[in-house]
Amino acid sequence: DVFGDLTIASAMIDRIVHHADVISLKGNSYRLKQHQSAATTTH
């Protein structure tokens, strides 16, 4: 979403992490879930 085009994003990542494996994760963010639960908790 940030780069707008999957091909361009893949090329940029490939240049940055030349010999690394890219793992794409799908699903809900645990950080977002914790943030939302903390926002609803009263202190």
C-alpha atoms as a PDB file:
ATOM      1  CA  ASP A   1       0.000   0.000   0.000  1.00  0.00           C
ATOM      2  CA  VAL A   2       2.852   2.389   0.719  1.00  0.00           C
ATOM      3  CA  PHE A   3       4.559   1.973  -2.661  1.00  0.00           C
ATOM      4  CA  GLY A   4       1.385   1.524  -4.694  1.00  0.00           C
ATOM      5  CA  ASP A   5       2.793  -1.191  -6.967  1.00  0.00           C
ATOM      6  CA  LEU A   6       3.793  -4.694  -5.847  1.00  0.00           C
ATOM      7  CA  THR A   7       6.492  -4.994  -8.538  1.00  0.00           C
ATOM      8  CA  ILE A   8       8.199  -1.754  -7.517  1.00  0.00           C
ATOM      9  CA  ALA A   9       7.969  -2.654  -3.826  1.00  0.00           C
ATOM     10  CA  SER A  10       9.510  -6.079  -4.508  1.00  0.00           C
ATOM     11  CA  ALA A  11      12.356  -4.533  -6.514  1.00  0.00           C
ATOM     12  CA  MET A  12      13.108  -2.020  -3.754  1.00  0.00           C
ATOM     13  CA  ILE A  13      13.106  -4.714  -1.068  1.00  0.00           C
ATOM     14  CA  ASP A  14      15.343  -6.893  -3.257  1.00  0.00           C
ATOM     15  CA  ARG A  15      17.937  -4.120  -3.490  1.00  0.00           C
ATOM     16  CA  ILE A  16      17.865  -3.449   0.255  1.00  0.00           C
ATOM     17  CA  VAL A  17      17.996  -7.051   1.449  1.00  0.00           C
ATOM     18  CA  HIS A  18      20.096  -8.594  -1.324  1.00  0.00           C
ATOM     19  CA  HIS A  19      20.704 -12.038   0.210  1.00  0.00           C
ATOM     20  CA  ALA A  20      17.721 -12.267   2.540  1.00  0.00           C
ATOM     21  CA  ASP A  21      14.422 -14.088   2.350  1.00  0.00           C
ATOM     22  CA  VAL A  22      11.268 -11.976   2.489  1.00  0.00           C
ATOM     23  CA  ILE A  23       8.413 -13.441   4.509  1.00  0.00           C
ATOM     24  CA  SER A  24       4.986 -11.991   3.881  1.00  0.00           C
ATOM     25  CA  LEU A  25       2.632 -12.204   6.845  1.00  0.00           C
ATOM     26  CA  LYS A  26      -1.127 -11.931   6.563  1.00  0.00           C
ATOM     27  CA  GLY A  27      -3.726 -11.457   9.234  1.00  0.00           C
ATOM     28  CA  ASN A  28      -4.476  -9.040  12.017  1.00  0.00           C
ATOM     29  CA  SER A  29      -1.646  -7.199  13.727  1.00  0.00           C
ATOM     30  CA  TYR A  30      -0.950  -8.217  17.329  1.00  0.00           C
ATOM     31  CA  ARG A  31       0.372  -4.721  18.052  1.00  0.00           C
ATOM     32  CA  LEU A  32      -2.850  -3.159  16.787  1.00  0.00           C
ATOM     33  CA  LYS A  33      -4.903  -5.593  18.882  1.00  0.00           C
ATOM     34  CA  GLN A  34      -2.917  -4.693  22.020  1.00  0.00           C
ATOM     35  CA  HIS A  35      -3.243  -0.986  21.235  1.00  0.00           C
ATOM     36  CA  GLN A  36      -7.015  -1.251  20.852  1.00  0.00           C
ATOM     37  CA  SER A  37      -7.425  -3.222  24.088  1.00  0.00           C
ATOM     38  CA  ALA A  38      -5.232  -0.712  25.958  1.00  0.00           C
ATOM     39  CA  ALA A  39      -7.322   2.175  24.619  1.00  0.00           C
ATOM     40  CA  THR A  40     -10.547   0.650  25.945  1.00  0.00           C
ATOM     41  CA  THR A  41      -9.102  -0.175  29.383  1.00  0.00           C
ATOM     42  CA  THR A  42      -9.707   2.474  32.031  1.00  0.00           C
ATOM     43  CA  HIS A  43      -6.974   3.409  34.480  1.00  0.00           C
END
